[in-house]
Amino acid sequence: MRYALLVLLAALAAGCGSAAGAGGQATLWITRDRGAVVVEAAHVPAGESAAQALERVAKAQTRYGGRYVHAVDGVAEHGQRSWFYYVNGYLADRSAADYRLRPGDVEWWDYRSWHDPAQDPVVVGAFPEPFLHGYDGKRRPAVVVSSDRVAGRRLAGLVRGRWARPGAALPSNANVLVLRSGPTGFSARPAGQAVHMTFSGDWRRLLRGRYPFRFRYAVG
């Protein structure tokens, strides 16, 4: 029953996107325990499926005709611990055999416990994704909401979007980053098919060359 539920989740999609053009690279991460343990970080060719990219850097064991990843490098599903994968911060909505990587995509496999296979639908660890490359080749408008003009404009440049003050009308289909004051915290939630992220603390940490929250589901 558990296998069937996970396969159903992986298969939910309105069809596969068109294949990416030749050339370009994507990034592939393999972690455990919500990113606490980093196993692998590598570049892979764009244009391949997420499953093909995984098999370039790890030994994957699959079920259901290759549509469900049961184990990676000998670490297998056990009880309520399984392999889940994200693309650009989104929990994937289809089999890894059906997702075609585009240049710049971040494919992230994480072995973790779960109570609901649809939990943690979006995460912050791949920021500035999904603002830059979206999901399935579809990039949404990006908006940074901040009362601080400098912070708003600097981060809008990072995510290739625009700055808006709090209370401004926002496009319903936009990925939104909200900046707030207070202790360091970073979280993400789905907003329809878009993503809303909220960051508090020193916004300059998001601009540093070595992003400090990589591989994290949330902070604070």
N, C-alpha and C. Protein backbone atom coordinates (compact mmCIF):
# COMPACT_ATOMS: atom_id res chain seq x y z
N MET A 1 0.83 -1.20 0.00
CA MET A 1 0.00 0.00 0.00
C MET A 1 0.87 1.26 0.00
N ARG A 2 1.93 1.24 0.81
CA ARG A 2 2.81 2.39 0.89
C ARG A 2 3.47 2.63 -0.47
N TYR A 3 3.94 1.54 -1.13
CA TYR A 3 4.56 1.69 -2.45
C TYR A 3 3.58 2.31 -3.44
N ALA A 4 2.35 1.82 -3.42
CA ALA A 4 1.35 2.30 -4.36
C ALA A 4 1.09 3.78 -4.16
N LEU A 5 1.04 4.22 -2.89
CA LEU A 5 0.81 5.62 -2.59
C LEU A 5 1.92 6.50 -3.12
N LEU A 6 3.17 6.07 -2.92
CA LEU A 6 4.30 6.85 -3.38
C LEU A 6 4.38 6.90 -4.90
N VAL A 7 4.08 5.78 -5.54
CA VAL A 7 4.10 5.76 -7.00
C VAL A 7 3.01 6.65 -7.56
N LEU A 8 1.83 6.66 -6.91
CA LEU A 8 0.77 7.53 -7.35
C LEU A 8 1.19 8.98 -7.27
N LEU A 9 1.84 9.35 -6.16
CA LEU A 9 2.34 10.73 -6.01
C LEU A 9 3.32 11.07 -7.12
N ALA A 10 4.24 10.14 -7.40
CA ALA A 10 5.26 10.40 -8.41
C ALA A 10 4.67 10.53 -9.80
N ALA A 11 3.54 9.85 -10.03
CA ALA A 11 2.98 9.83 -11.38
C ALA A 11 2.04 10.99 -11.64
N LEU A 12 1.64 11.73 -10.61
CA LEU A 12 0.69 12.82 -10.79
C LEU A 12 1.34 13.96 -11.57
N ALA A 13 0.92 14.17 -12.78
CA ALA A 13 1.44 15.27 -13.60
C ALA A 13 0.57 15.40 -14.83
N ALA A 14 0.60 16.54 -15.43
CA ALA A 14 -0.17 16.75 -16.64
C ALA A 14 0.69 16.43 -17.86
N GLY A 15 1.38 15.30 -17.81
CA GLY A 15 2.25 14.90 -18.91
C GLY A 15 3.64 15.43 -18.76
N CYS A 16 4.54 14.85 -19.49
CA CYS A 16 5.95 15.24 -19.40
C CYS A 16 6.20 16.48 -20.23
N GLY A 17 7.14 17.32 -19.79
CA GLY A 17 7.53 18.49 -20.57
C GLY A 17 8.37 18.07 -21.75
N SER A 18 8.55 18.96 -22.70
CA SER A 18 9.39 18.65 -23.84
C SER A 18 10.84 18.55 -23.41
N ALA A 19 11.61 17.80 -24.14
CA ALA A 19 13.01 17.58 -23.78
C ALA A 19 13.80 18.88 -23.89
N ALA A 20 14.75 19.01 -23.01
CA ALA A 20 15.61 20.20 -23.05
C ALA A 20 16.51 20.12 -24.27
N GLY A 21 16.94 21.25 -24.72
CA GLY A 21 17.84 21.28 -25.85
C GLY A 21 19.19 20.71 -25.47
N ALA A 22 19.97 20.37 -26.47
CA ALA A 22 21.29 19.79 -26.22
C ALA A 22 22.18 20.82 -25.55
N GLY A 23 23.12 20.33 -24.75
CA GLY A 23 24.07 21.21 -24.10
C GLY A 23 23.56 21.71 -22.77
N GLY A 24 24.48 22.28 -22.00
CA GLY A 24 24.12 22.80 -20.70
C GLY A 24 24.26 21.76 -19.61
N GLN A 25 24.26 22.24 -18.39
CA GLN A 25 24.41 21.35 -17.24
C GLN A 25 23.30 21.58 -16.23
N ALA A 26 23.05 20.55 -15.46
CA ALA A 26 22.20 20.63 -14.28
C ALA A 26 23.06 20.21 -13.09
N THR A 27 22.54 20.40 -11.90
CA THR A 27 23.23 20.01 -10.67
C THR A 27 22.47 18.89 -10.00
N LEU A 28 23.19 17.93 -9.45
CA LEU A 28 22.56 16.82 -8.74
C LEU A 28 23.14 16.69 -7.34
N TRP A 29 22.26 16.64 -6.34
CA TRP A 29 22.66 16.44 -4.96
C TRP A 29 22.04 15.16 -4.43
N ILE A 30 22.77 14.48 -3.59
CA ILE A 30 22.23 13.32 -2.84
C ILE A 30 22.53 13.58 -1.38
N THR A 31 21.48 13.57 -0.55
CA THR A 31 21.64 13.81 0.89
C THR A 31 20.79 12.82 1.68
N ARG A 32 20.94 12.89 2.98
CA ARG A 32 20.11 12.10 3.90
C ARG A 32 19.61 13.00 5.02
N ASP A 33 18.49 12.59 5.60
CA ASP A 33 17.95 13.23 6.81
C ASP A 33 17.73 14.73 6.63
N ARG A 34 16.96 15.05 5.59
CA ARG A 34 16.60 16.45 5.31
C ARG A 34 17.84 17.32 5.08
N GLY A 35 18.80 16.75 4.40
CA GLY A 35 19.98 17.49 4.02
C GLY A 35 21.08 17.54 5.05
N ALA A 36 20.89 16.88 6.20
CA ALA A 36 21.90 16.93 7.26
C ALA A 36 23.19 16.25 6.86
N VAL A 37 23.09 15.21 6.04
CA VAL A 37 24.27 14.48 5.56
C VAL A 37 24.35 14.62 4.05
N VAL A 38 25.42 15.21 3.56
CA VAL A 38 25.60 15.38 2.12
C VAL A 38 26.43 14.22 1.59
N VAL A 39 25.84 13.46 0.69
CA VAL A 39 26.50 12.27 0.13
C VAL A 39 27.21 12.60 -1.17
N GLU A 40 26.60 13.40 -2.02
CA GLU A 40 27.14 13.68 -3.35
C GLU A 40 26.64 15.03 -3.83
N ALA A 41 27.50 15.75 -4.54
CA ALA A 41 27.11 16.98 -5.23
C ALA A 41 27.90 17.00 -6.53
N ALA A 42 27.21 17.00 -7.65
CA ALA A 42 27.88 16.86 -8.94
C ALA A 42 27.12 17.60 -10.02
N HIS A 43 27.80 17.83 -11.14
CA HIS A 43 27.15 18.37 -12.32
C HIS A 43 26.82 17.21 -13.26
N VAL A 44 25.66 17.31 -13.91
CA VAL A 44 25.21 16.28 -14.84
C VAL A 44 24.70 16.97 -16.11
N PRO A 45 24.66 16.26 -17.23
CA PRO A 45 24.18 16.89 -18.46
C PRO A 45 22.70 17.21 -18.39
N ALA A 46 22.33 18.38 -18.87
CA ALA A 46 20.92 18.69 -19.07
C ALA A 46 20.42 17.88 -20.26
N GLY A 47 19.12 17.69 -20.32
CA GLY A 47 18.52 16.92 -21.41
C GLY A 47 18.23 15.49 -21.03
N GLU A 48 18.86 14.99 -19.97
CA GLU A 48 18.58 13.64 -19.49
C GLU A 48 17.40 13.66 -18.53
N SER A 49 16.85 12.48 -18.27
CA SER A 49 15.82 12.39 -17.24
C SER A 49 16.49 12.47 -15.87
N ALA A 50 15.71 12.79 -14.85
CA ALA A 50 16.24 12.84 -13.50
C ALA A 50 16.79 11.47 -13.10
N ALA A 51 16.15 10.39 -13.56
CA ALA A 51 16.62 9.04 -13.26
C ALA A 51 17.96 8.76 -13.92
N GLN A 52 18.11 9.15 -15.17
CA GLN A 52 19.39 8.95 -15.87
C GLN A 52 20.51 9.72 -15.19
N ALA A 53 20.21 10.94 -14.77
CA ALA A 53 21.23 11.75 -14.10
C ALA A 53 21.64 11.10 -12.78
N LEU A 54 20.68 10.59 -12.03
CA LEU A 54 21.00 9.92 -10.77
C LEU A 54 21.91 8.72 -11.02
N GLU A 55 21.62 7.96 -12.04
CA GLU A 55 22.40 6.76 -12.33
C GLU A 55 23.81 7.08 -12.81
N ARG A 56 24.07 8.32 -13.20
CA ARG A 56 25.42 8.71 -13.58
C ARG A 56 26.35 8.78 -12.36
N VAL A 57 25.80 9.11 -11.21
CA VAL A 57 26.64 9.35 -10.03
C VAL A 57 26.38 8.37 -8.90
N ALA A 58 25.38 7.50 -9.03
CA ALA A 58 25.06 6.56 -7.95
C ALA A 58 24.44 5.30 -8.55
N LYS A 59 24.41 4.25 -7.75
CA LYS A 59 23.76 3.02 -8.15
C LYS A 59 22.35 3.01 -7.60
N ALA A 60 21.38 3.11 -8.48
CA ALA A 60 19.98 3.19 -8.07
C ALA A 60 19.28 1.86 -8.33
N GLN A 61 18.49 1.43 -7.37
CA GLN A 61 17.63 0.26 -7.53
C GLN A 61 16.20 0.75 -7.64
N THR A 62 15.49 0.29 -8.65
CA THR A 62 14.15 0.81 -8.91
C THR A 62 13.11 -0.29 -8.89
N ARG A 63 11.86 0.15 -8.82
CA ARG A 63 10.71 -0.75 -8.90
C ARG A 63 9.69 -0.14 -9.85
N TYR A 64 8.64 -0.91 -10.11
CA TYR A 64 7.56 -0.45 -10.97
C TYR A 64 8.09 -0.02 -12.33
N GLY A 65 8.87 -0.89 -12.95
CA GLY A 65 9.36 -0.62 -14.28
C GLY A 65 10.31 0.56 -14.36
N GLY A 66 11.05 0.81 -13.27
CA GLY A 66 12.01 1.90 -13.25
C GLY A 66 11.43 3.24 -12.86
N ARG A 67 10.15 3.26 -12.47
CA ARG A 67 9.49 4.54 -12.18
C ARG A 67 9.61 4.95 -10.71
N TYR A 68 10.08 4.07 -9.87
CA TYR A 68 10.18 4.39 -8.44
C TYR A 68 11.56 3.97 -7.92
N VAL A 69 12.28 4.91 -7.32
CA VAL A 69 13.61 4.63 -6.80
C VAL A 69 13.48 4.05 -5.39
N HIS A 70 13.90 2.81 -5.27
CA HIS A 70 13.79 2.08 -4.00
C HIS A 70 15.05 2.24 -3.15
N ALA A 71 16.22 2.31 -3.79
CA ALA A 71 17.48 2.40 -3.05
C ALA A 71 18.50 3.17 -3.86
N VAL A 72 19.40 3.84 -3.16
CA VAL A 72 20.52 4.56 -3.79
C VAL A 72 21.79 4.16 -3.06
N ASP A 73 22.75 3.60 -3.82
CA ASP A 73 24.02 3.15 -3.25
C ASP A 73 23.80 2.25 -2.04
N GLY A 74 22.83 1.36 -2.16
CA GLY A 74 22.57 0.37 -1.11
C GLY A 74 21.71 0.85 0.04
N VAL A 75 21.39 2.12 0.10
CA VAL A 75 20.51 2.65 1.15
C VAL A 75 19.08 2.56 0.64
N ALA A 76 18.32 1.64 1.23
CA ALA A 76 17.01 1.30 0.69
C ALA A 76 15.87 1.80 1.58
N GLU A 77 14.73 1.94 0.96
CA GLU A 77 13.51 2.26 1.69
C GLU A 77 13.33 1.27 2.84
N HIS A 78 12.96 1.80 3.99
CA HIS A 78 12.76 0.94 5.16
C HIS A 78 11.73 1.60 6.06
N GLY A 79 10.63 0.90 6.29
CA GLY A 79 9.57 1.48 7.11
C GLY A 79 9.09 2.77 6.48
N GLN A 80 9.10 3.84 7.26
CA GLN A 80 8.70 5.14 6.74
C GLN A 80 9.91 6.02 6.47
N ARG A 81 10.94 5.41 5.89
CA ARG A 81 12.10 6.14 5.40
C ARG A 81 12.27 5.79 3.93
N SER A 82 12.27 6.82 3.09
CA SER A 82 12.29 6.62 1.64
C SER A 82 13.09 7.72 0.97
N TRP A 83 13.35 7.50 -0.32
CA TRP A 83 14.02 8.50 -1.14
C TRP A 83 12.98 9.40 -1.81
N PHE A 84 13.16 10.70 -1.65
CA PHE A 84 12.33 11.70 -2.31
C PHE A 84 13.24 12.60 -3.14
N TYR A 85 12.68 13.15 -4.23
CA TYR A 85 13.52 14.07 -4.98
C TYR A 85 12.80 15.38 -5.28
N TYR A 86 13.60 16.43 -5.30
CA TYR A 86 13.15 17.79 -5.56
C TYR A 86 13.83 18.30 -6.82
N VAL A 87 13.14 19.19 -7.51
CA VAL A 87 13.77 19.92 -8.61
C VAL A 87 13.57 21.40 -8.35
N ASN A 88 14.66 22.11 -8.19
CA ASN A 88 14.63 23.56 -7.94
C ASN A 88 13.79 23.91 -6.72
N GLY A 89 13.82 23.04 -5.72
CA GLY A 89 13.11 23.31 -4.48
C GLY A 89 11.70 22.77 -4.41
N TYR A 90 11.15 22.27 -5.52
CA TYR A 90 9.82 21.67 -5.54
C TYR A 90 9.91 20.16 -5.36
N LEU A 91 9.09 19.58 -4.49
CA LEU A 91 8.95 18.14 -4.44
C LEU A 91 8.39 17.68 -5.77
N ALA A 92 9.10 16.78 -6.45
CA ALA A 92 8.71 16.38 -7.81
C ALA A 92 7.33 15.72 -7.81
N ASP A 93 6.57 15.98 -8.85
CA ASP A 93 5.21 15.47 -8.95
C ASP A 93 5.10 14.31 -9.94
N ARG A 94 6.23 13.72 -10.29
CA ARG A 94 6.22 12.62 -11.26
C ARG A 94 7.44 11.73 -11.06
N SER A 95 7.41 10.60 -11.70
CA SER A 95 8.54 9.69 -11.66
C SER A 95 9.79 10.38 -12.18
N ALA A 96 10.95 10.00 -11.59
CA ALA A 96 12.22 10.55 -12.05
C ALA A 96 12.51 10.16 -13.50
N ALA A 97 11.90 9.07 -13.96
CA ALA A 97 12.07 8.67 -15.36
C ALA A 97 11.34 9.62 -16.31
N ASP A 98 10.40 10.39 -15.78
CA ASP A 98 9.57 11.26 -16.60
C ASP A 98 9.95 12.74 -16.51
N TYR A 99 10.86 13.09 -15.61
CA TYR A 99 11.25 14.51 -15.50
C TYR A 99 12.51 14.74 -16.32
N ARG A 100 12.44 15.68 -17.27
CA ARG A 100 13.56 16.00 -18.13
C ARG A 100 14.27 17.24 -17.58
N LEU A 101 15.56 17.11 -17.30
CA LEU A 101 16.32 18.21 -16.74
C LEU A 101 16.62 19.29 -17.78
N ARG A 102 16.48 20.53 -17.36
CA ARG A 102 16.85 21.68 -18.17
C ARG A 102 18.17 22.27 -17.66
N PRO A 103 18.86 23.03 -18.50
CA PRO A 103 20.08 23.68 -18.02
C PRO A 103 19.80 24.54 -16.79
N GLY A 104 20.63 24.38 -15.77
CA GLY A 104 20.48 25.14 -14.54
C GLY A 104 19.65 24.49 -13.48
N ASP A 105 18.90 23.44 -13.81
CA ASP A 105 18.07 22.75 -12.81
C ASP A 105 18.92 22.18 -11.69
N VAL A 106 18.34 22.13 -10.49
CA VAL A 106 18.97 21.48 -9.34
C VAL A 106 18.11 20.28 -8.95
N GLU A 107 18.62 19.09 -9.19
CA GLU A 107 17.95 17.83 -8.84
C GLU A 107 18.50 17.37 -7.49
N TRP A 108 17.63 17.18 -6.54
CA TRP A 108 18.06 16.89 -5.17
C TRP A 108 17.33 15.65 -4.65
N TRP A 109 18.09 14.60 -4.36
CA TRP A 109 17.57 13.38 -3.76
C TRP A 109 17.89 13.37 -2.28
N ASP A 110 16.86 13.11 -1.46
CA ASP A 110 17.06 13.08 -0.01
C ASP A 110 16.36 11.85 0.57
N TYR A 111 17.11 11.12 1.40
CA TYR A 111 16.57 9.94 2.08
C TYR A 111 16.12 10.38 3.47
N ARG A 112 14.84 10.27 3.74
CA ARG A 112 14.31 10.81 4.99
C ARG A 112 13.07 10.05 5.45
N SER A 113 12.71 10.32 6.69
CA SER A 113 11.47 9.77 7.23
C SER A 113 10.29 10.62 6.73
N TRP A 114 9.10 10.03 6.77
CA TRP A 114 7.92 10.76 6.34
C TRP A 114 6.68 10.24 7.06
N HIS A 115 5.72 11.11 7.19
CA HIS A 115 4.40 10.73 7.71
C HIS A 115 3.36 10.78 6.60
N ASP A 116 3.56 11.71 5.70
CA ASP A 116 2.70 11.90 4.53
C ASP A 116 3.65 12.08 3.35
N PRO A 117 3.51 11.30 2.27
CA PRO A 117 4.47 11.43 1.16
C PRO A 117 4.45 12.80 0.50
N ALA A 118 3.41 13.60 0.73
CA ALA A 118 3.34 14.93 0.14
C ALA A 118 3.81 16.02 1.10
N GLN A 119 4.37 15.62 2.26
CA GLN A 119 4.85 16.64 3.18
C GLN A 119 6.09 17.33 2.62
N ASP A 120 6.40 18.50 3.15
CA ASP A 120 7.56 19.29 2.68
C ASP A 120 7.51 19.49 1.17
N PRO A 121 6.44 20.10 0.65
CA PRO A 121 6.30 20.22 -0.81
C PRO A 121 7.27 21.20 -1.44
N VAL A 122 7.78 22.18 -0.69
CA VAL A 122 8.80 23.09 -1.20
C VAL A 122 9.80 23.35 -0.08
N VAL A 123 11.06 23.57 -0.46
CA VAL A 123 12.13 23.74 0.52
C VAL A 123 13.03 24.91 0.07
N VAL A 124 13.84 25.40 1.02
CA VAL A 124 14.65 26.59 0.74
C VAL A 124 16.09 26.25 0.36
N GLY A 125 16.50 25.00 0.45
CA GLY A 125 17.90 24.63 0.32
C GLY A 125 18.53 24.84 -1.03
N ALA A 126 17.72 25.01 -2.07
CA ALA A 126 18.26 25.24 -3.41
C ALA A 126 18.17 26.70 -3.83
N PHE A 127 17.80 27.60 -2.91
CA PHE A 127 17.70 29.02 -3.25
C PHE A 127 19.00 29.50 -3.93
N PRO A 128 18.91 30.34 -4.99
CA PRO A 128 17.76 31.12 -5.43
C PRO A 128 16.76 30.41 -6.34
N GLU A 129 16.79 29.08 -6.38
CA GLU A 129 15.69 28.35 -7.00
C GLU A 129 14.52 28.34 -6.01
N PRO A 130 13.30 28.25 -6.55
CA PRO A 130 12.93 28.08 -7.96
C PRO A 130 12.77 29.38 -8.74
N PHE A 131 13.23 30.50 -8.16
CA PHE A 131 13.04 31.77 -8.83
C PHE A 131 13.73 31.82 -10.20
N LEU A 132 14.90 31.20 -10.30
CA LEU A 132 15.68 31.32 -11.53
C LEU A 132 15.21 30.40 -12.65
N HIS A 133 14.88 29.16 -12.33
CA HIS A 133 14.57 28.19 -13.38
C HIS A 133 13.20 27.54 -13.26
N GLY A 134 12.46 27.85 -12.18
CA GLY A 134 11.09 27.35 -12.08
C GLY A 134 11.02 25.85 -11.97
N TYR A 135 10.04 25.27 -12.64
CA TYR A 135 9.82 23.82 -12.59
C TYR A 135 9.30 23.36 -13.94
N ASP A 136 9.87 22.27 -14.43
CA ASP A 136 9.46 21.69 -15.71
C ASP A 136 9.61 22.70 -16.85
N GLY A 137 10.65 23.54 -16.75
CA GLY A 137 10.92 24.49 -17.81
C GLY A 137 10.04 25.72 -17.79
N LYS A 138 9.18 25.86 -16.77
CA LYS A 138 8.26 26.99 -16.68
C LYS A 138 8.70 27.91 -15.55
N ARG A 139 9.18 29.08 -15.89
CA ARG A 139 9.62 30.05 -14.90
C ARG A 139 8.53 31.09 -14.65
N ARG A 140 8.24 31.33 -13.38
CA ARG A 140 7.21 32.29 -13.01
C ARG A 140 7.81 33.67 -12.75
N PRO A 141 6.98 34.72 -12.81
CA PRO A 141 7.47 36.03 -12.39
C PRO A 141 7.99 35.95 -10.95
N ALA A 142 9.00 36.76 -10.64
CA ALA A 142 9.59 36.75 -9.30
C ALA A 142 9.43 38.13 -8.68
N VAL A 143 9.02 38.15 -7.41
CA VAL A 143 8.83 39.40 -6.70
C VAL A 143 9.47 39.29 -5.33
N VAL A 144 10.22 40.32 -4.94
CA VAL A 144 10.78 40.43 -3.58
C VAL A 144 10.00 41.52 -2.86
N VAL A 145 9.40 41.16 -1.73
CA VAL A 145 8.61 42.10 -0.95
C VAL A 145 9.43 42.54 0.26
N SER A 146 9.73 43.84 0.34
CA SER A 146 10.55 44.34 1.43
C SER A 146 10.30 45.83 1.62
N SER A 147 10.30 46.25 2.88
CA SER A 147 10.21 47.68 3.17
C SER A 147 11.56 48.37 3.01
N ASP A 148 12.62 47.57 2.92
CA ASP A 148 13.97 48.08 2.74
C ASP A 148 14.26 48.13 1.23
N ARG A 149 14.39 49.33 0.71
CA ARG A 149 14.57 49.49 -0.73
C ARG A 149 15.85 48.83 -1.22
N VAL A 150 16.94 49.02 -0.49
CA VAL A 150 18.22 48.45 -0.92
C VAL A 150 18.14 46.93 -0.94
N ALA A 151 17.63 46.34 0.15
CA ALA A 151 17.51 44.89 0.21
C ALA A 151 16.60 44.37 -0.89
N GLY A 152 15.47 45.03 -1.08
CA GLY A 152 14.53 44.58 -2.11
C GLY A 152 15.12 44.59 -3.49
N ARG A 153 15.84 45.66 -3.81
CA ARG A 153 16.41 45.75 -5.16
C ARG A 153 17.58 44.80 -5.36
N ARG A 154 18.40 44.64 -4.33
CA ARG A 154 19.53 43.72 -4.46
C ARG A 154 19.05 42.29 -4.67
N LEU A 155 18.08 41.88 -3.88
CA LEU A 155 17.59 40.51 -4.00
C LEU A 155 16.72 40.32 -5.24
N ALA A 156 16.04 41.36 -5.67
CA ALA A 156 15.29 41.27 -6.92
C ALA A 156 16.24 41.02 -8.08
N GLY A 157 17.43 41.65 -8.01
CA GLY A 157 18.43 41.38 -9.04
C GLY A 157 18.90 39.94 -9.00
N LEU A 158 19.05 39.40 -7.81
CA LEU A 158 19.49 38.01 -7.67
C LEU A 158 18.49 37.03 -8.27
N VAL A 159 17.20 37.25 -8.02
CA VAL A 159 16.18 36.29 -8.48
C VAL A 159 15.59 36.69 -9.83
N ARG A 160 16.16 37.75 -10.44
CA ARG A 160 15.71 38.20 -11.76
C ARG A 160 14.23 38.57 -11.74
N GLY A 161 13.88 39.34 -10.74
CA GLY A 161 12.50 39.75 -10.60
C GLY A 161 12.41 41.24 -10.29
N ARG A 162 11.38 41.63 -9.56
CA ARG A 162 11.20 43.04 -9.22
C ARG A 162 10.95 43.18 -7.73
N TRP A 163 11.14 44.38 -7.24
CA TRP A 163 10.93 44.70 -5.84
C TRP A 163 9.55 45.31 -5.65
N ALA A 164 8.89 44.95 -4.54
CA ALA A 164 7.60 45.55 -4.19
C ALA A 164 7.58 45.84 -2.70
N ARG A 165 6.90 46.91 -2.33
CA ARG A 165 6.74 47.22 -0.92
C ARG A 165 5.63 46.36 -0.31
N PRO A 166 5.67 46.13 1.01
CA PRO A 166 4.58 45.38 1.65
C PRO A 166 3.23 46.03 1.37
N GLY A 167 2.24 45.21 1.08
CA GLY A 167 0.91 45.71 0.79
C GLY A 167 0.64 45.93 -0.68
N ALA A 168 1.67 45.91 -1.50
CA ALA A 168 1.47 46.11 -2.94
C ALA A 168 0.76 44.90 -3.54
N ALA A 169 0.00 45.12 -4.58
CA ALA A 169 -0.66 44.02 -5.29
C ALA A 169 0.39 43.19 -6.02
N LEU A 170 0.27 41.87 -5.91
CA LEU A 170 1.25 40.97 -6.52
C LEU A 170 0.57 40.07 -7.54
N PRO A 171 1.27 39.69 -8.59
CA PRO A 171 0.69 38.73 -9.55
C PRO A 171 0.36 37.42 -8.85
N SER A 172 -0.77 36.85 -9.15
CA SER A 172 -1.20 35.62 -8.49
C SER A 172 -0.32 34.43 -8.84
N ASN A 173 0.39 34.51 -9.97
CA ASN A 173 1.22 33.39 -10.41
C ASN A 173 2.69 33.58 -10.09
N ALA A 174 3.03 34.58 -9.26
CA ALA A 174 4.44 34.90 -9.01
C ALA A 174 5.02 34.06 -7.88
N ASN A 175 6.30 33.73 -8.02
CA ASN A 175 7.08 33.23 -6.89
C ASN A 175 7.51 34.46 -6.08
N VAL A 176 7.28 34.42 -4.77
CA VAL A 176 7.45 35.60 -3.93
C VAL A 176 8.44 35.32 -2.81
N LEU A 177 9.36 36.26 -2.59
CA LEU A 177 10.27 36.23 -1.45
C LEU A 177 9.94 37.42 -0.57
N VAL A 178 9.54 37.15 0.68
CA VAL A 178 9.18 38.19 1.62
C VAL A 178 10.30 38.35 2.64
N LEU A 179 10.78 39.59 2.83
CA LEU A 179 11.83 39.87 3.81
C LEU A 179 11.20 40.51 5.04
N ARG A 180 11.60 39.98 6.21
CA ARG A 180 11.09 40.50 7.47
C ARG A 180 12.24 40.70 8.43
N SER A 181 12.02 41.49 9.46
CA SER A 181 13.01 41.66 10.51
C SER A 181 12.83 40.55 11.54
N GLY A 182 13.85 40.35 12.37
CA GLY A 182 13.77 39.34 13.42
C GLY A 182 14.90 38.35 13.34
N PRO A 183 14.86 37.32 14.21
CA PRO A 183 15.90 36.29 14.20
C PRO A 183 15.95 35.56 12.86
N THR A 184 17.09 34.96 12.58
CA THR A 184 17.26 34.27 11.30
C THR A 184 16.25 33.15 11.14
N GLY A 185 15.56 33.17 10.04
CA GLY A 185 14.60 32.14 9.69
C GLY A 185 14.35 32.16 8.20
N PHE A 186 14.09 31.01 7.63
CA PHE A 186 13.85 30.91 6.20
C PHE A 186 12.91 29.73 5.97
N SER A 187 11.77 29.99 5.36
CA SER A 187 10.78 28.94 5.15
C SER A 187 10.14 29.12 3.79
N ALA A 188 9.52 28.05 3.31
CA ALA A 188 8.84 28.08 2.02
C ALA A 188 7.51 27.36 2.14
N ARG A 189 6.55 27.82 1.37
CA ARG A 189 5.25 27.17 1.33
C ARG A 189 4.70 27.27 -0.09
N PRO A 190 3.88 26.31 -0.50
CA PRO A 190 3.26 26.42 -1.82
C PRO A 190 2.16 27.46 -1.79
N ALA A 191 1.97 28.13 -2.89
CA ALA A 191 0.88 29.09 -3.07
C ALA A 191 0.26 28.79 -4.43
N GLY A 192 -0.63 27.82 -4.47
CA GLY A 192 -1.08 27.29 -5.75
C GLY A 192 0.09 26.55 -6.39
N GLN A 193 0.43 26.89 -7.61
CA GLN A 193 1.59 26.30 -8.27
C GLN A 193 2.85 27.13 -8.04
N ALA A 194 2.71 28.28 -7.39
CA ALA A 194 3.84 29.15 -7.11
C ALA A 194 4.41 28.82 -5.72
N VAL A 195 5.46 29.53 -5.36
CA VAL A 195 6.12 29.35 -4.07
C VAL A 195 6.22 30.70 -3.37
N HIS A 196 5.92 30.72 -2.08
CA HIS A 196 6.16 31.90 -1.26
C HIS A 196 7.22 31.54 -0.24
N MET A 197 8.32 32.29 -0.24
CA MET A 197 9.38 32.12 0.75
C MET A 197 9.42 33.33 1.67
N THR A 198 9.72 33.08 2.93
CA THR A 198 9.83 34.16 3.91
C THR A 198 11.18 34.07 4.59
N PHE A 199 11.93 35.18 4.54
CA PHE A 199 13.24 35.22 5.18
C PHE A 199 13.27 36.33 6.21
N SER A 200 13.84 36.04 7.37
CA SER A 200 14.09 37.06 8.38
C SER A 200 15.55 36.97 8.80
N GLY A 201 16.10 38.09 9.24
CA GLY A 201 17.51 38.12 9.60
C GLY A 201 18.28 39.02 8.64
N ASP A 202 19.57 38.77 8.53
CA ASP A 202 20.44 39.56 7.67
C ASP A 202 20.29 39.10 6.23
N TRP A 203 19.58 39.89 5.43
CA TRP A 203 19.30 39.51 4.05
C TRP A 203 20.56 39.35 3.21
N ARG A 204 21.66 39.97 3.66
CA ARG A 204 22.91 39.86 2.90
C ARG A 204 23.41 38.42 2.84
N ARG A 205 22.97 37.59 3.78
CA ARG A 205 23.40 36.18 3.77
C ARG A 205 22.90 35.46 2.53
N LEU A 206 21.83 35.95 1.95
CA LEU A 206 21.31 35.34 0.74
C LEU A 206 22.12 35.71 -0.49
N LEU A 207 22.95 36.73 -0.38
CA LEU A 207 23.73 37.21 -1.52
C LEU A 207 25.14 36.66 -1.55
N ARG A 208 25.58 36.08 -0.46
CA ARG A 208 26.96 35.63 -0.38
C ARG A 208 27.22 34.50 -1.37
N GLY A 209 28.47 34.44 -1.84
CA GLY A 209 28.82 33.43 -2.82
C GLY A 209 28.57 32.02 -2.33
N ARG A 210 28.81 31.79 -1.04
CA ARG A 210 28.54 30.47 -0.47
C ARG A 210 27.27 30.56 0.35
N TYR A 211 26.16 30.30 -0.28
CA TYR A 211 24.85 30.37 0.36
C TYR A 211 24.82 29.49 1.61
N PRO A 212 24.54 30.05 2.79
CA PRO A 212 24.72 29.29 4.04
C PRO A 212 23.61 28.29 4.37
N PHE A 213 22.51 28.32 3.60
CA PHE A 213 21.38 27.45 3.94
C PHE A 213 21.21 26.32 2.93
N ARG A 214 22.24 26.05 2.16
CA ARG A 214 22.16 24.97 1.18
C ARG A 214 21.85 23.64 1.85
N PHE A 215 21.01 22.86 1.18
CA PHE A 215 20.58 21.53 1.64
C PHE A 215 19.60 21.58 2.82
N ARG A 216 19.14 22.75 3.22
CA ARG A 216 18.21 22.85 4.33
C ARG A 216 16.76 22.87 3.82
N TYR A 217 15.88 22.18 4.52
CA TYR A 217 14.46 22.26 4.19
C TYR A 217 13.89 23.61 4.63
N ALA A 218 14.26 24.03 5.83
CA ALA A 218 13.83 25.29 6.40
C ALA A 218 14.84 25.69 7.46
N VAL A 219 14.78 26.94 7.89
CA VAL A 219 15.70 27.45 8.92
C VAL A 219 14.87 28.14 10.01
N GLY A 220 15.20 27.83 11.27
CA GLY A 220 14.53 28.50 12.36
C GLY A 220 13.19 27.88 12.73
